[in-house]
């Protein structure tokens, strides 16, 4: 099949193959870089979520034990409630101070630091915009020995609806349960910042690789072009001279001008 191509055409075919190879390598490099980036971000988010779950579980269990021991000698229910409020009202965590503890007896709120007006009220009918009855579900998880519930809840100070992961556990020796939670957008914010850094690094690496590989391919193509024209021009000269001898005046004493020492030079000789 290649016999149908001229020598120059064959060289152009080689150049096209090299360009195609370069483009294919770049496509694979870009695709794999993005896959690695996405996988890294996904794994990072999952690990952070598991770390937050572990933190919530340990913190809630610790608070439940501490509150349980603090009120175990108090008989009066109202004094118990006052003591529980005193113990957990001022506790805040997370960098934006959005973390706090809440306490319920069944579905009646006992402690709710950001909204004290709701203390003493039955909040069992509260549900988020997705229809999750988070107070009831947290109470059920607490009754099972502790568990997580994911729901949407207003985040202070702007009270914007934000996904939240809550954990609840029974307070030993009481019918009350204590819970806390973290807003998952804190994880998303961190992962988003990390994505920006990774994107910048990926772009920098791809640009460096493209510049290096592109330089090498340009050099290779330049060498091929020099070789191609170095072969084609003498061949054209020899062919034109032989055609003139054969079709012209038939001067067999004419000599071909030989400037190379390669196979084309031998042909000319």
Protein backbone atom coordinates (compact mmCIF):
# COMPACT_ATOMS: atom_id res chain seq x y z
CA UNK A 1 0.00 0.00 0.00
CA UNK A 2 2.86 2.37 0.78
CA UNK A 3 4.08 1.93 -2.82
CA UNK A 4 1.34 4.34 -3.82
CA UNK A 5 2.97 7.10 -1.74
CA UNK A 6 5.98 9.11 -2.74
CA UNK A 7 9.00 9.25 -0.44
CA UNK A 8 7.87 12.68 0.75
CA UNK A 9 4.35 11.32 1.33
CA UNK A 10 5.74 8.50 3.43
CA UNK A 11 7.70 10.97 5.53
CA UNK A 12 4.54 13.05 6.03
CA UNK A 13 2.78 9.85 7.12
CA UNK A 14 5.49 9.32 9.74
CA UNK A 15 5.07 12.92 10.93
CA UNK A 16 1.29 12.51 11.11
CA UNK A 17 1.77 9.31 13.17
CA UNK A 18 4.05 11.15 15.58
CA UNK A 19 1.58 14.03 15.96
CA UNK A 20 -1.23 11.52 16.53
CA UNK A 21 0.87 9.73 19.17
CA UNK A 22 1.61 13.03 20.89
CA UNK A 23 -2.09 13.98 20.92
CA UNK A 24 -3.04 10.54 22.26
CA UNK A 25 -0.43 10.78 25.03
CA UNK A 26 -1.70 14.23 26.03
CA UNK A 27 -5.30 12.98 26.08
CA UNK A 28 -4.37 10.08 28.35
CA UNK A 29 -2.30 12.38 30.58
CA UNK A 30 -5.14 14.90 30.99
CA UNK A 31 -7.78 12.20 31.52
CA UNK A 32 -5.72 10.28 34.09
CA UNK A 33 -4.76 13.47 35.91
CA UNK A 34 -8.41 14.42 36.30
CA UNK A 35 -9.35 10.90 37.39
CA UNK A 36 -6.60 10.88 40.03
CA UNK A 37 -7.68 14.35 41.20
CA UNK A 38 -11.35 13.36 41.48
CA UNK A 39 -10.50 10.11 43.26
CA UNK A 40 -8.24 11.94 45.70
CA UNK A 41 -10.93 14.51 46.49
CA UNK A 42 -13.57 11.81 46.92
CA UNK A 43 -11.34 9.80 49.25
CA UNK A 44 -10.40 12.93 51.20
CA UNK A 45 -14.06 13.85 51.69
CA UNK A 46 -14.90 10.30 52.80
CA UNK A 47 -11.99 10.17 55.26
CA UNK A 48 -12.88 13.58 56.68
CA UNK A 49 -16.51 12.50 57.11
CA UNK A 50 -15.42 9.36 58.97
CA UNK A 51 -13.12 11.46 61.16
CA UNK A 52 -15.98 13.82 61.94
CA UNK A 53 -18.23 10.87 62.80
CA UNK A 54 -15.61 9.51 65.17
CA UNK A 55 -15.24 12.97 66.74
CA UNK A 56 -19.00 13.34 67.20
CA UNK A 57 -19.33 9.90 68.74
CA UNK A 58 -16.48 10.37 71.20
CA UNK A 59 -17.55 13.92 72.13
CA UNK A 60 -21.20 12.94 72.65
CA UNK A 61 -20.33 9.83 74.65
CA UNK A 62 -18.00 11.87 76.85
CA UNK A 63 -20.64 14.55 77.40
CA UNK A 64 -23.32 11.93 78.16
CA UNK A 65 -21.14 10.29 80.82
CA UNK A 66 -20.14 13.64 82.34
CA UNK A 67 -23.71 14.92 82.52
CA UNK A 68 -24.95 11.58 83.85
CA UNK A 69 -22.41 11.60 86.69
CA UNK A 70 -23.09 15.28 87.46
CA UNK A 71 -26.83 14.78 87.98
CA UNK A 72 -26.96 11.25 89.38
CA UNK A 73 -27.43 12.48 92.97
CA UNK A 74 -30.10 15.05 92.14
CA UNK A 75 -33.68 13.91 92.78
CA UNK A 76 -35.61 17.03 91.78
CA UNK A 77 -36.29 16.97 88.02
CA UNK A 78 -36.20 20.74 87.61
CA UNK A 79 -32.83 20.94 89.36
CA UNK A 80 -31.55 18.19 87.06
CA UNK A 81 -32.61 20.21 84.04
CA UNK A 82 -31.01 23.37 85.41
CA UNK A 83 -27.77 21.47 86.03
CA UNK A 84 -27.80 19.98 82.51
CA UNK A 85 -28.32 23.42 81.01
CA UNK A 86 -25.53 24.84 83.08
CA UNK A 87 -23.17 22.09 81.94
CA UNK A 88 -23.77 22.31 78.20
CA UNK A 89 -25.09 25.83 77.46
CA UNK A 90 -21.70 27.46 76.88
CA UNK A 91 -20.00 24.64 74.96
CA UNK A 92 -19.14 25.54 71.34
CA UNK A 93 -16.85 23.86 68.85
CA UNK A 94 -15.90 24.03 65.15
CA UNK A 95 -13.96 26.99 63.76
CA UNK A 96 -17.15 28.95 63.13
CA UNK A 97 -18.58 28.07 66.56
CA UNK A 98 -21.50 26.27 64.89
CA UNK A 99 -21.14 23.15 67.03
CA UNK A 100 -23.16 22.78 70.25
CA UNK A 101 -24.95 20.14 72.36
CA UNK A 102 -28.72 19.69 72.64
CA UNK A 103 -30.63 17.58 75.16
CA UNK A 104 -34.11 16.06 74.95
CA UNK A 105 -36.37 13.95 77.13
CA UNK A 106 -38.18 11.86 74.54
CA UNK A 107 -39.06 14.60 72.02
CA UNK A 108 -39.38 17.43 74.54
CA UNK A 109 -36.44 19.78 74.33
CA UNK A 110 -34.44 20.34 77.51
CA UNK A 111 -31.41 22.23 76.20
CA UNK A 112 -31.10 24.09 72.90
CA UNK A 113 -28.45 26.83 73.29
CA UNK A 114 -29.02 28.70 69.97
CA UNK A 115 -32.83 28.81 70.45
CA UNK A 116 -33.64 28.81 74.16
CA UNK A 117 -37.22 29.86 73.49
CA UNK A 118 -37.86 26.30 72.29
CA UNK A 119 -36.68 24.74 75.55
CA UNK A 120 -39.45 22.82 77.29
CA UNK A 121 -41.42 22.34 74.06
CA UNK A 122 -42.22 19.11 72.23
CA UNK A 123 -40.30 19.29 68.95
CA UNK A 124 -41.08 15.80 67.73
CA UNK A 125 -42.97 17.11 64.72
CA UNK A 126 -40.02 19.12 63.41
CA UNK A 127 -38.84 18.00 59.98
CA UNK A 128 -36.36 19.36 57.51
CA UNK A 129 -37.11 20.37 53.91
CA UNK A 130 -36.52 16.77 52.80
CA UNK A 131 -39.15 15.44 55.20
CA UNK A 132 -36.72 14.02 57.78
CA UNK A 133 -38.16 14.08 61.34
CA UNK A 134 -34.70 14.58 62.78
CA UNK A 135 -35.70 14.85 66.47
CA UNK A 136 -37.60 11.56 66.37
CA UNK A 137 -34.86 9.83 64.37
CA UNK A 138 -32.13 11.06 66.72
CA UNK A 139 -34.20 9.86 69.69
CA UNK A 140 -34.53 6.42 68.05
CA UNK A 141 -30.78 6.25 67.42
CA UNK A 142 -30.08 7.25 71.03
CA UNK A 143 -32.41 4.48 72.25
CA UNK A 144 -30.47 1.95 70.17
CA UNK A 145 -27.23 2.82 71.96
CA UNK A 146 -26.22 5.79 69.81
CA UNK A 147 -26.32 6.57 66.12
CA UNK A 148 -26.11 9.11 63.32
CA UNK A 149 -28.81 11.02 61.43
CA UNK A 150 -28.23 13.29 58.44
CA UNK A 151 -30.63 16.17 57.90
CA UNK A 152 -30.86 19.81 56.83
CA UNK A 153 -30.85 22.47 59.52
CA UNK A 154 -30.42 26.29 59.69
CA UNK A 155 -26.80 27.19 60.32
CA UNK A 156 -26.04 30.15 62.59
CA UNK A 157 -25.47 33.03 62.35
CA UNK A 158 -27.24 33.41 58.99
CA UNK A 159 -29.67 30.52 59.57
CA UNK A 160 -29.18 29.25 56.04
CA UNK A 161 -30.39 25.67 55.41
CA UNK A 162 -27.28 23.48 55.46
CA UNK A 163 -26.74 19.69 55.49
CA UNK A 164 -25.93 18.50 59.00
CA UNK A 165 -24.76 15.23 60.51
CA UNK A 166 -26.07 14.59 64.02
CA UNK A 167 -25.27 11.97 66.65
CA UNK A 168 -27.31 11.16 69.76
CA UNK A 169 -26.84 8.96 72.83
CA UNK A 170 -28.77 8.35 76.07
CA UNK A 171 -27.57 10.04 79.26
CA UNK A 172 -26.90 7.16 81.69
CA UNK A 173 -29.45 6.81 84.50
CA UNK A 174 -32.00 9.13 82.89
CA UNK A 175 -34.67 9.22 80.21
CA UNK A 176 -32.87 12.13 78.56
CA UNK A 177 -30.60 11.89 75.54
CA UNK A 178 -27.89 14.26 74.38
CA UNK A 179 -26.84 14.98 70.85
CA UNK A 180 -24.66 17.20 68.75
CA UNK A 181 -23.80 17.65 65.10
CA UNK A 182 -21.56 19.23 62.53
CA UNK A 183 -22.53 21.06 59.38
CA UNK A 184 -21.20 19.07 56.43
CA UNK A 185 -20.54 22.22 54.40
CA UNK A 186 -17.41 22.61 56.55
CA UNK A 187 -16.11 19.46 54.86
CA UNK A 188 -17.26 20.67 51.44
CA UNK A 189 -15.49 23.99 51.98
CA UNK A 190 -12.23 22.25 52.82
CA UNK A 191 -12.55 19.82 49.89
CA UNK A 192 -13.35 22.75 47.58
CA UNK A 193 -10.21 24.60 48.68
CA UNK A 194 -8.21 21.42 48.22
CA UNK A 195 -9.73 20.98 44.74
CA UNK A 196 -8.51 24.46 43.79
CA UNK A 197 -4.98 23.64 44.90
CA UNK A 198 -5.01 20.29 43.11
CA UNK A 199 -6.37 21.85 39.91
CA UNK A 200 -3.57 24.39 39.99
CA UNK A 201 -0.98 21.65 40.49
CA UNK A 202 -2.50 19.50 37.72
CA UNK A 203 -2.47 22.45 35.29
CA UNK A 204 1.13 23.24 36.16
CA UNK A 205 2.21 19.61 35.69
CA UNK A 206 0.34 19.29 32.38
CA UNK A 207 1.84 22.52 31.07
CA UNK A 208 5.35 21.40 32.02
CA UNK A 209 4.82 17.98 30.46
CA UNK A 210 3.26 19.50 27.32
CA UNK A 211 6.14 21.94 26.89
CA UNK A 212 8.78 19.24 27.40
CA UNK A 213 7.09 16.63 25.21
CA UNK A 214 6.17 19.24 22.60
CA UNK A 215 9.79 20.39 22.37
CA UNK A 216 10.97 16.80 21.89
CA UNK A 217 8.34 16.12 19.22
CA UNK A 218 9.17 19.36 17.37
CA UNK A 219 12.84 18.37 17.32
CA UNK A 220 11.97 14.88 16.05
CA UNK A 221 9.66 16.26 13.34
CA UNK A 222 12.30 18.81 12.32
CA UNK A 223 14.89 16.03 11.96
CA UNK A 224 12.43 13.96 9.89
CA UNK A 225 11.72 16.94 7.61
CA UNK A 226 15.44 17.60 7.14
CA UNK A 227 15.98 13.91 6.30
CA UNK A 228 12.95 13.89 3.99
CA UNK A 229 14.06 16.91 1.98
CA UNK A 230 17.65 15.61 2.04
CA UNK A 231 16.42 12.46 0.28
CA UNK A 232 13.77 13.90 -2.00
CA UNK A 233 15.77 16.80 -3.51
CA UNK A 234 18.73 14.67 -4.74
CA UNK A 235 16.30 12.05 -6.03
CA UNK A 236 14.42 14.70 -7.97
CA UNK A 237 17.73 15.96 -9.38
CA UNK A 238 18.85 12.47 -10.46
CA UNK A 239 15.41 11.66 -11.92
CA UNK A 240 15.28 14.94 -13.86
CA UNK A 241 18.81 14.43 -15.24
CA UNK A 242 18.08 10.82 -16.30
CA UNK A 243 14.82 11.93 -17.90
CA UNK A 244 16.67 14.59 -19.85
CA UNK A 245 19.25 12.03 -21.02
CA UNK A 246 16.57 9.52 -22.00
CA UNK A 247 14.06 11.88 -23.56
CA UNK A 248 16.29 14.75 -24.60
CA UNK A 249 19.17 14.61 -27.07
CA UNK A 250 20.40 11.29 -25.68
CA UNK A 251 23.76 12.67 -24.58
CA UNK A 252 25.23 9.59 -22.83
CA UNK A 253 28.46 11.43 -22.05
CA UNK A 254 26.63 13.73 -19.64
CA UNK A 255 27.61 13.40 -16.00
CA UNK A 256 25.30 13.71 -13.04
CA UNK A 257 26.35 16.17 -10.38
CA UNK A 258 27.06 14.16 -7.22
CA UNK A 259 27.13 16.05 -3.91
CA UNK A 260 26.36 13.28 -1.37
CA UNK A 261 28.14 10.12 -0.26
CA UNK A 262 25.02 8.12 0.56
CA UNK A 263 23.06 5.64 -1.57
CA UNK A 264 21.71 8.50 -3.73
CA UNK A 265 25.27 9.61 -4.33
CA UNK A 266 26.13 6.09 -5.42
CA UNK A 267 23.15 6.08 -7.79
CA UNK A 268 24.36 9.37 -9.29
CA UNK A 269 27.87 7.98 -9.70
